[in-house]
């Protein structure tokens, strides 16, 4: 996890780094694995909505909204403290 990335036109996105190569879906799987672990949800709760062959991806995270929001808040706070 590296934190938030602000696009020049305004939208914010979560910046992630994975070591998997974009070959046969390995990078997409790594993104889902990382998000599931970081958010404390099963991998089956995360779906790739768009960007399967692109650098920028859109995911859907299913679960308890308050729990997911709390996990994201903690992650972003930790990233900010670590300077990521």
C-alpha atoms as a PDB file:
ATOM      1  CA  UNK A   1       0.000   0.000   0.000  1.00  0.00           C
ATOM      2  CA  UNK A   2       1.417   3.355  -0.854  1.00  0.00           C
ATOM      3  CA  UNK A   3      -1.484   5.669  -0.039  1.00  0.00           C
ATOM      4  CA  UNK A   4      -3.680   7.984  -2.040  1.00  0.00           C
ATOM      5  CA  UNK A   5      -2.920   9.244  -5.513  1.00  0.00           C
ATOM      6  CA  UNK A   6      -4.543  12.434  -6.705  1.00  0.00           C
ATOM      7  CA  UNK A   7      -5.137  12.774 -10.438  1.00  0.00           C
ATOM      8  CA  UNK A   8      -4.672  16.156 -12.066  1.00  0.00           C
ATOM      9  CA  UNK A   9      -8.406  16.303 -12.836  1.00  0.00           C
ATOM     10  CA  UNK A  10      -9.395  15.716  -9.212  1.00  0.00           C
ATOM     11  CA  UNK A  11     -10.247  12.054  -8.502  1.00  0.00           C
ATOM     12  CA  UNK A  12      -8.418  10.188  -5.771  1.00  0.00           C
ATOM     13  CA  UNK A  13      -7.368   6.576  -6.043  1.00  0.00           C
ATOM     14  CA  UNK A  14      -5.632   4.108  -3.782  1.00  0.00           C
ATOM     15  CA  UNK A  15      -2.074   3.466  -4.947  1.00  0.00           C
ATOM     16  CA  UNK A  16      -0.861  -0.122  -4.614  1.00  0.00           C
ATOM     17  CA  UNK A  17       2.373  -1.831  -5.544  1.00  0.00           C
ATOM     18  CA  UNK A  18       2.533  -5.529  -6.308  1.00  0.00           C
ATOM     19  CA  UNK A  19       5.481  -7.590  -7.486  1.00  0.00           C
ATOM     20  CA  UNK A  20       3.489  -9.869  -9.784  1.00  0.00           C
ATOM     21  CA  UNK A  21       3.934  -9.433 -13.517  1.00  0.00           C
ATOM     22  CA  UNK A  22       0.891  -8.583 -15.630  1.00  0.00           C
ATOM     23  CA  UNK A  23       0.907 -12.055 -17.177  1.00  0.00           C
ATOM     24  CA  UNK A  24      -2.172 -14.303 -17.289  1.00  0.00           C
ATOM     25  CA  UNK A  25      -3.906 -12.237 -14.603  1.00  0.00           C
ATOM     26  CA  UNK A  26      -1.153 -12.605 -11.988  1.00  0.00           C
ATOM     27  CA  UNK A  27      -1.028  -8.870 -11.222  1.00  0.00           C
ATOM     28  CA  UNK A  28      -4.830  -8.675 -10.940  1.00  0.00           C
ATOM     29  CA  UNK A  29      -4.808 -11.624  -8.523  1.00  0.00           C
ATOM     30  CA  UNK A  30      -2.039  -9.951  -6.502  1.00  0.00           C
ATOM     31  CA  UNK A  31      -4.069  -6.721  -6.269  1.00  0.00           C
ATOM     32  CA  UNK A  32      -7.127  -8.631  -5.036  1.00  0.00           C
ATOM     33  CA  UNK A  33      -5.017 -10.612  -2.554  1.00  0.00           C
ATOM     34  CA  UNK A  34      -3.408  -7.436  -1.205  1.00  0.00           C
ATOM     35  CA  UNK A  35      -6.702  -5.587  -0.858  1.00  0.00           C
ATOM     36  CA  UNK A  36      -8.423  -8.532   0.809  1.00  0.00           C
ATOM     37  CA  UNK A  37      -5.650  -8.871   3.375  1.00  0.00           C
ATOM     38  CA  UNK A  38      -5.426  -5.114   3.995  1.00  0.00           C
ATOM     39  CA  UNK A  39      -9.191  -4.670   4.362  1.00  0.00           C
ATOM     40  CA  UNK A  40      -9.784  -7.844   6.334  1.00  0.00           C
ATOM     41  CA  UNK A  41     -12.298  -9.297   3.890  1.00  0.00           C
ATOM     42  CA  UNK A  42     -12.307 -12.600   1.992  1.00  0.00           C
ATOM     43  CA  UNK A  43     -10.896 -12.494  -1.542  1.00  0.00           C
ATOM     44  CA  UNK A  44     -14.320 -13.539  -2.782  1.00  0.00           C
ATOM     45  CA  UNK A  45     -15.656 -10.138  -1.607  1.00  0.00           C
ATOM     46  CA  UNK A  46     -13.471  -8.254  -4.076  1.00  0.00           C
ATOM     47  CA  UNK A  47     -14.270  -8.092  -7.786  1.00  0.00           C
ATOM     48  CA  UNK A  48     -12.348  -6.412 -10.576  1.00  0.00           C
ATOM     49  CA  UNK A  49     -14.876  -4.215 -12.389  1.00  0.00           C
ATOM     50  CA  UNK A  50     -12.607  -2.667 -15.004  1.00  0.00           C
ATOM     51  CA  UNK A  51      -8.969  -2.290 -15.962  1.00  0.00           C
ATOM     52  CA  UNK A  52      -8.008  -5.958 -16.120  1.00  0.00           C
ATOM     53  CA  UNK A  53      -5.366  -5.154 -18.755  1.00  0.00           C
ATOM     54  CA  UNK A  54      -4.586  -1.626 -17.597  1.00  0.00           C
ATOM     55  CA  UNK A  55      -2.507  -0.040 -14.866  1.00  0.00           C
ATOM     56  CA  UNK A  56      -5.551   1.653 -13.296  1.00  0.00           C
ATOM     57  CA  UNK A  57      -8.214  -0.709 -12.039  1.00  0.00           C
ATOM     58  CA  UNK A  58     -11.655  -0.323 -10.533  1.00  0.00           C
ATOM     59  CA  UNK A  59     -12.663  -2.827  -7.881  1.00  0.00           C
ATOM     60  CA  UNK A  60     -15.839  -3.544  -5.980  1.00  0.00           C
ATOM     61  CA  UNK A  61     -15.459  -4.478  -2.323  1.00  0.00           C
ATOM     62  CA  UNK A  62     -18.494  -6.161  -0.793  1.00  0.00           C
ATOM     63  CA  UNK A  63     -18.930  -6.230   2.948  1.00  0.00           C
ATOM     64  CA  UNK A  64     -19.892  -4.170   5.943  1.00  0.00           C
ATOM     65  CA  UNK A  65     -19.387  -0.515   4.889  1.00  0.00           C
ATOM     66  CA  UNK A  66     -18.335   0.694   8.350  1.00  0.00           C
ATOM     67  CA  UNK A  67     -15.748  -2.084   8.686  1.00  0.00           C
ATOM     68  CA  UNK A  68     -14.323  -1.413   5.214  1.00  0.00           C
ATOM     69  CA  UNK A  69     -14.225   2.340   5.814  1.00  0.00           C
ATOM     70  CA  UNK A  70     -12.488   1.803   9.156  1.00  0.00           C
ATOM     71  CA  UNK A  71      -9.912  -0.491   7.572  1.00  0.00           C
ATOM     72  CA  UNK A  72      -9.223   2.043   4.804  1.00  0.00           C
ATOM     73  CA  UNK A  73      -8.881   4.859   7.334  1.00  0.00           C
ATOM     74  CA  UNK A  74      -6.355   2.840   9.363  1.00  0.00           C
ATOM     75  CA  UNK A  75      -4.397   1.892   6.237  1.00  0.00           C
ATOM     76  CA  UNK A  76      -4.204   5.449   5.002  1.00  0.00           C
ATOM     77  CA  UNK A  77      -3.177   6.717   8.440  1.00  0.00           C
ATOM     78  CA  UNK A  78      -0.409   4.113   8.572  1.00  0.00           C
ATOM     79  CA  UNK A  79       0.755   5.007   5.050  1.00  0.00           C
ATOM     80  CA  UNK A  80       0.858   8.683   5.990  1.00  0.00           C
ATOM     81  CA  UNK A  81       2.906   7.969   9.145  1.00  0.00           C
ATOM     82  CA  UNK A  82       5.340   5.769   7.217  1.00  0.00           C
ATOM     83  CA  UNK A  83       5.675   8.368   4.483  1.00  0.00           C
ATOM     84  CA  UNK A  84       4.461   6.055   1.695  1.00  0.00           C
END
